[in-house]
C-alpha atoms as a PDB file:
ATOM      1  CA  MET A   1      24.327  11.676  21.070  1.00  0.00           C
ATOM      2  CA  SER A   2      21.883  12.603  23.810  1.00  0.00           C
ATOM      3  CA  ASN A   3      18.852  10.689  25.039  1.00  0.00           C
ATOM      4  CA  GLN A   4      16.661  13.236  23.231  1.00  0.00           C
ATOM      5  CA  SER A   5      18.379  12.693  19.890  1.00  0.00           C
ATOM      6  CA  LEU A   6      18.065   8.901  20.205  1.00  0.00           C
ATOM      7  CA  ALA A   7      14.340   9.336  20.830  1.00  0.00           C
ATOM      8  CA  ASN A   8      14.110  11.692  17.835  1.00  0.00           C
ATOM      9  CA  THR A   9      15.905   9.144  15.699  1.00  0.00           C
ATOM     10  CA  ALA A  10      13.554   6.383  16.827  1.00  0.00           C
ATOM     11  CA  ASN A  11      10.528   8.596  16.142  1.00  0.00           C
ATOM     12  CA  HIS A  12      11.915   9.450  12.702  1.00  0.00           C
ATOM     13  CA  VAL A  13      12.340   5.761  11.891  1.00  0.00           C
ATOM     14  CA  VAL A  14       8.761   5.027  12.990  1.00  0.00           C
ATOM     15  CA  ALA A  15       7.453   7.942  10.922  1.00  0.00           C
ATOM     16  CA  GLN A  16       9.361   6.803   7.821  1.00  0.00           C
ATOM     17  CA  TYR A  17       8.090   3.229   8.077  1.00  0.00           C
ATOM     18  CA  SER A  18       4.580   4.530   8.634  1.00  0.00           C
ATOM     19  CA  ALA A  19       4.851   6.753   5.560  1.00  0.00           C
ATOM     20  CA  ALA A  20       6.217   3.849   3.510  1.00  0.00           C
ATOM     21  CA  GLY A  21       3.352   1.602   4.610  1.00  0.00           C
ATOM     22  CA  LYS A  22       0.771   4.219   3.708  1.00  0.00           C
ATOM     23  CA  THR A  23       2.427   4.883   0.350  1.00  0.00           C
ATOM     24  CA  LEU A  24       2.402   1.205  -0.572  1.00  0.00           C
ATOM     25  CA  ASN A  25      -1.156   0.835   0.688  1.00  0.00           C
ATOM     26  CA  GLN A  26      -2.288   3.743  -1.498  1.00  0.00           C
ATOM     27  CA  ALA A  27      -0.410   2.374  -4.523  1.00  0.00           C
ATOM     28  CA  TYR A  28      -2.023  -1.048  -4.210  1.00  0.00           C
ATOM     29  CA  ARG A  29      -5.420   0.542  -3.618  1.00  0.00           C
ATOM     30  CA  ALA A  30      -5.142   2.652  -6.763  1.00  0.00           C
ATOM     31  CA  THR A  31      -4.002  -0.368  -8.759  1.00  0.00           C
ATOM     32  CA  VAL A  32      -6.897  -2.531  -7.594  1.00  0.00           C
ATOM     33  CA  GLU A  33      -9.364   0.257  -8.332  1.00  0.00           C
ATOM     34  CA  ARG A  34      -7.887   0.655 -11.806  1.00  0.00           C
ATOM     35  CA  VAL A  35      -8.047  -3.092 -12.451  1.00  0.00           C
ATOM     36  CA  LEU A  36     -11.700  -3.221 -11.388  1.00  0.00           C
ATOM     37  CA  GLY A  37     -12.489  -0.257 -13.630  1.00  0.00           C
ATOM     38  CA  ASP A  38     -10.706  -1.874 -16.574  1.00  0.00           C
ATOM     39  CA  ALA A  39     -12.542  -5.156 -15.975  1.00  0.00           C
ATOM     40  CA  LYS A  40     -15.877  -3.342 -16.045  1.00  0.00           C
ATOM     41  CA  THR A  41     -15.012  -1.614 -19.298  1.00  0.00           C
ATOM     42  CA  ARG A  42     -13.686  -4.754 -20.960  1.00  0.00           C
ATOM     43  CA  PHE A  43     -16.673  -6.850 -19.906  1.00  0.00           C
ATOM     44  CA  ALA A  44     -19.093  -4.326 -21.377  1.00  0.00           C
ATOM     45  CA  SER A  45     -17.151  -3.946 -24.624  1.00  0.00           C
ATOM     46  CA  VAL A  46     -16.741  -7.712 -25.100  1.00  0.00           C
ATOM     47  CA  LEU A  47     -20.398  -8.319 -24.389  1.00  0.00           C
ATOM     48  CA  GLU A  48     -21.504  -5.602 -26.803  1.00  0.00           C
ATOM     49  CA  ALA A  49     -19.086  -6.667 -29.539  1.00  0.00           C
ATOM     50  CA  ARG A  50     -20.129 -10.308 -29.654  1.00  0.00           C
ATOM     51  CA  SER A  51     -23.275 -11.838 -30.976  1.00  0.00           C
ATOM     52  CA  ILE A  52     -24.403 -14.423 -28.447  1.00  0.00           C
ATOM     53  CA  PRO A  53     -27.272 -16.751 -29.330  1.00  0.00           C
ATOM     54  CA  MET A  54     -30.481 -16.204 -27.343  1.00  0.00           C
ATOM     55  CA  VAL A  55     -29.092 -13.031 -25.741  1.00  0.00           C
ATOM     56  CA  ASN A  56     -30.790  -9.860 -26.855  1.00  0.00           C
ATOM     57  CA  GLU A  57     -29.864  -6.231 -26.101  1.00  0.00           C
ATOM     58  CA  GLN A  58     -31.986  -6.140 -22.932  1.00  0.00           C
ATOM     59  CA  ILE A  59     -30.209  -9.165 -21.465  1.00  0.00           C
ATOM     60  CA  LYS A  60     -26.831  -7.691 -22.427  1.00  0.00           C
ATOM     61  CA  SER A  61     -27.785  -4.459 -20.683  1.00  0.00           C
ATOM     62  CA  GLU A  62     -28.874  -6.350 -17.570  1.00  0.00           C
ATOM     63  CA  LEU A  63     -25.615  -8.331 -17.564  1.00  0.00           C
ATOM     64  CA  VAL A  64     -23.599  -5.127 -17.813  1.00  0.00           C
ATOM     65  CA  ASN A  65     -25.628  -3.578 -14.983  1.00  0.00           C
ATOM     66  CA  ALA A  66     -25.157  -6.688 -12.829  1.00  0.00           C
ATOM     67  CA  GLN A  67     -21.426  -6.681 -13.492  1.00  0.00           C
ATOM     68  CA  GLU A  68     -21.201  -2.976 -12.583  1.00  0.00           C
ATOM     69  CA  LEU A  69     -23.113  -3.649  -9.368  1.00  0.00           C
ATOM     70  CA  LEU A  70     -20.763  -6.513  -8.494  1.00  0.00           C
ATOM     71  CA  ALA A  71     -17.707  -4.381  -9.275  1.00  0.00           C
ATOM     72  CA  GLY A  72     -19.134  -1.627  -7.069  1.00  0.00           C
ATOM     73  CA  TYR A  73     -19.489  -4.027  -4.139  1.00  0.00           C
ATOM     74  CA  MET A  74     -15.967  -5.292  -4.709  1.00  0.00           C
ATOM     75  CA  LEU A  75     -14.652  -1.736  -4.846  1.00  0.00           C
ATOM     76  CA  LYS A  76     -16.380  -0.831  -1.572  1.00  0.00           C
ATOM     77  CA  GLY A  77     -14.838  -3.905   0.043  1.00  0.00           C
ATOM     78  CA  VAL A  78     -11.392  -3.019  -1.252  1.00  0.00           C
ATOM     79  CA  GLN A  79     -11.707   0.571  -0.082  1.00  0.00           C
ATOM     80  CA  ALA A  80     -12.848  -0.553   3.362  1.00  0.00           C
ATOM     81  CA  ALA A  81      -9.922  -2.971   3.648  1.00  0.00           C
ATOM     82  CA  TYR A  82      -7.385  -0.348   2.658  1.00  0.00           C
ATOM     83  CA  ASP A  83      -8.962   2.189   5.030  1.00  0.00           C
ATOM     84  CA  ARG A  84      -8.580  -0.336   7.850  1.00  0.00           C
ATOM     85  CA  ALA A  85      -4.956  -0.893   6.835  1.00  0.00           C
ATOM     86  CA  ASP A  86      -4.324   2.862   7.029  1.00  0.00           C
ATOM     87  CA  GLN A  87      -5.961   2.952  10.460  1.00  0.00           C
ATOM     88  CA  ALA A  88      -3.789   0.039  11.596  1.00  0.00           C
ATOM     89  CA  ILE A  89      -0.659   1.804  10.370  1.00  0.00           C
ATOM     90  CA  ASP A  90      -1.683   4.939  12.274  1.00  0.00           C
ATOM     91  CA  ALA A  91      -2.428   2.958  15.434  1.00  0.00           C
ATOM     92  CA  ILE A  92       0.889   1.112  15.314  1.00  0.00           C
ATOM     93  CA  SER A  93       2.782   4.330  14.662  1.00  0.00           C
ATOM     94  CA  THR A  94       1.026   6.096  17.534  1.00  0.00           C
ATOM     95  CA  ARG A  95       1.701   3.224  19.930  1.00  0.00           C
ATOM     96  CA  ALA A  96       5.340   3.054  18.904  1.00  0.00           C
ATOM     97  CA  ALA A  97       5.785   6.806  19.396  1.00  0.00           C
ATOM     98  CA  SER A  98       4.083   6.544  22.787  1.00  0.00           C
ATOM     99  CA  GLY A  99       6.397   3.692  23.770  1.00  0.00           C
ATOM    100  CA  ILE A 100       9.450   5.662  22.685  1.00  0.00           C
ATOM    101  CA  GLU A 101       8.276   8.620  24.750  1.00  0.00           C
ATOM    102  CA  SER A 102       7.688   6.383  27.785  1.00  0.00           C
ATOM    103  CA  VAL A 103      11.176   4.902  27.523  1.00  0.00           C
ATOM    104  CA  GLU A 104      12.668   8.365  27.056  1.00  0.00           C
ATOM    105  CA  ASN A 105      10.894   9.640  30.182  1.00  0.00           C
ATOM    106  CA  ALA A 106      11.956   6.600  32.218  1.00  0.00           C
ATOM    107  CA  VAL A 107      15.580   6.983  31.150  1.00  0.00           C
ATOM    108  CA  ALA A 108      15.473  10.708  31.968  1.00  0.00           C
ATOM    109  CA  ARG A 109      14.104   9.986  35.460  1.00  0.00           C
ATOM    110  CA  VAL A 110      16.727   7.348  36.156  1.00  0.00           C
ATOM    111  CA  GLU A 111      19.477   9.504  34.743  1.00  0.00           C
ATOM    112  CA  SER A 112      18.472  12.542  36.790  1.00  0.00           C
ATOM    113  CA  SER A 113      18.319  10.557  40.022  1.00  0.00           C
ATOM    114  CA  ILE A 114      21.493   8.541  39.446  1.00  0.00           C
ATOM    115  CA  LYS A 115      24.455  10.080  37.699  1.00  0.00           C
ATOM    116  CA  LEU A 116      26.058   7.205  35.821  1.00  0.00           C
ATOM    117  CA  ALA A 117      28.735   7.447  33.179  1.00  0.00           C
ATOM    118  CA  ASN A 118      27.411   4.241  31.604  1.00  0.00           C
ATOM    119  CA  PHE A 119      24.483   6.096  30.011  1.00  0.00           C
ATOM    120  CA  ASP A 120      26.900   8.216  27.982  1.00  0.00           C
ATOM    121  CA  ALA A 121      28.805   5.112  26.914  1.00  0.00           C
ATOM    122  CA  VAL A 122      25.589   3.383  25.818  1.00  0.00           C
ATOM    123  CA  ARG A 123      24.547   6.454  23.848  1.00  0.00           C
ATOM    124  CA  THR A 124      27.938   6.648  22.181  1.00  0.00           C
ATOM    125  CA  LEU A 125      27.716   2.978  21.179  1.00  0.00           C
ATOM    126  CA  ASN A 126      24.159   3.382  19.888  1.00  0.00           C
ATOM    127  CA  ALA A 127      24.859   6.511  17.826  1.00  0.00           C
ATOM    128  CA  PRO A 128      26.130   4.642  14.713  1.00  0.00           C
ATOM    129  CA  ILE A 129      23.281   2.128  14.962  1.00  0.00           C
ATOM    130  CA  ALA A 130      20.739   4.943  15.230  1.00  0.00           C
ATOM    131  CA  SER A 131      22.280   6.666  12.225  1.00  0.00           C
ATOM    132  CA  LEU A 132      22.143   3.439  10.223  1.00  0.00           C
ATOM    133  CA  ALA A 133      18.512   2.835  11.250  1.00  0.00           C
ATOM    134  CA  THR A 134      17.636   6.334  10.056  1.00  0.00           C
ATOM    135  CA  LYS A 135      19.316   5.777   6.711  1.00  0.00           C
ATOM    136  CA  ILE A 136      17.560   2.424   6.246  1.00  0.00           C
ATOM    137  CA  ALA A 137      14.181   3.948   7.102  1.00  0.00           C
ATOM    138  CA  ASP A 138      14.779   6.762   4.614  1.00  0.00           C
ATOM    139  CA  LYS A 139      15.680   4.224   1.902  1.00  0.00           C
ATOM    140  CA  VAL A 140      12.561   2.175   2.665  1.00  0.00           C
ATOM    141  CA  ALA A 141      10.392   5.287   2.317  1.00  0.00           C
ATOM    142  CA  GLU A 142      12.132   6.194  -0.969  1.00  0.00           C
ATOM    143  CA  GLY A 143      11.660   2.634  -2.211  1.00  0.00           C
ATOM    144  CA  ALA A 144       7.959   2.725  -1.387  1.00  0.00           C
ATOM    145  CA  LYS A 145       7.583   5.952  -3.346  1.00  0.00           C
ATOM    146  CA  ALA A 146       9.474   4.402  -6.265  1.00  0.00           C
ATOM    147  CA  VAL A 147       7.169   1.357  -6.205  1.00  0.00           C
ATOM    148  CA  GLU A 148       4.152   3.660  -6.230  1.00  0.00           C
ATOM    149  CA  ALA A 149       5.560   5.564  -9.206  1.00  0.00           C
ATOM    150  CA  ARG A 150       6.334   2.333 -11.097  1.00  0.00           C
ATOM    151  CA  MET A 151       2.844   1.008 -10.457  1.00  0.00           C
ATOM    152  CA  ALA A 152       1.348   4.229 -11.800  1.00  0.00           C
ATOM    153  CA  VAL A 153       3.514   4.067 -14.930  1.00  0.00           C
ATOM    154  CA  ALA A 154       2.704   0.389 -15.474  1.00  0.00           C
ATOM    155  CA  ALA A 155      -0.999   1.101 -15.113  1.00  0.00           C
ATOM    156  CA  GLU A 156      -0.783   3.900 -17.680  1.00  0.00           C
ATOM    157  CA  GLU A 157       1.055   1.621 -20.101  1.00  0.00           C
ATOM    158  CA  MET A 158      -1.570  -1.098 -19.620  1.00  0.00           C
ATOM    159  CA  ALA A 159      -4.314   1.409 -20.353  1.00  0.00           C
ATOM    160  CA  GLU A 160      -2.573   2.544 -23.542  1.00  0.00           C
ATOM    161  CA  VAL A 161      -2.048  -0.952 -24.899  1.00  0.00           C
ATOM    162  CA  ALA A 162      -5.432  -2.336 -25.810  1.00  0.00           C
ATOM    163  CA  VAL A 163      -5.238  -5.961 -26.748  1.00  0.00           C
ATOM    164  CA  ASP A 164      -8.156  -7.309 -28.740  1.00  0.00           C
ATOM    165  CA  ALA A 165      -9.003 -10.859 -27.854  1.00  0.00           C
ATOM    166  CA  LYS A 166      -9.338 -13.208 -30.779  1.00  0.00           C
ATOM    167  CA  PRO A 167     -12.273 -15.572 -30.767  1.00  0.00           C
ATOM    168  CA  ALA A 168     -11.446 -19.044 -29.619  1.00  0.00           C
ATOM    169  CA  ARG A 169     -10.948 -21.609 -32.338  1.00  0.00           C
ATOM    170  CA  ARG A 170     -12.192 -25.088 -32.056  1.00  0.00           C
ATOM    171  CA  ALA A 171     -10.025 -27.940 -33.102  1.00  0.00           C
ATOM    172  CA  VAL A 172     -11.466 -29.798 -36.029  1.00  0.00           C
ATOM    173  CA  ARG A 173     -11.540 -33.544 -35.573  1.00  0.00           C
ATOM    174  CA  LYS A 174     -10.917 -35.773 -38.497  1.00  0.00           C
ATOM    175  CA  ALA A 175     -13.397 -38.522 -38.900  1.00  0.00           C
END
């Protein structure tokens, strides 16, 4: 295994972990957005379905509007946080790739100036480890995609199953 193929393997591993991080980030983002949307809908339907003393239709409408405004602020905050997480993943991936390239260039310079047989021995020893690292990174990326798919399926199932809340019962005290 040459120096170039070890660098390619390292870059592949970085790319797979980056892709896995972004996939999980997107899955969690979509889930949080869905939960906030469901909360908005449920709040409005519960408020409209119940008769609350001293709360008329105008107050109910204002409560729904206030809740939608609050959910909008929360959603903007969530989106900003996940955007920053994506940017962090990109920055880490870029820095790692740059570091791999720097090491590759340094090894190439040393190898071209000094002909040592030890470099070939080190590469031969690292070949199985590099192969294993590639396989692990591929499995992590596949796992992240599977988690994203499961979260999407679970969210669809939650949307299909509408559970009506029963009114709370008060315990009757015996005198």
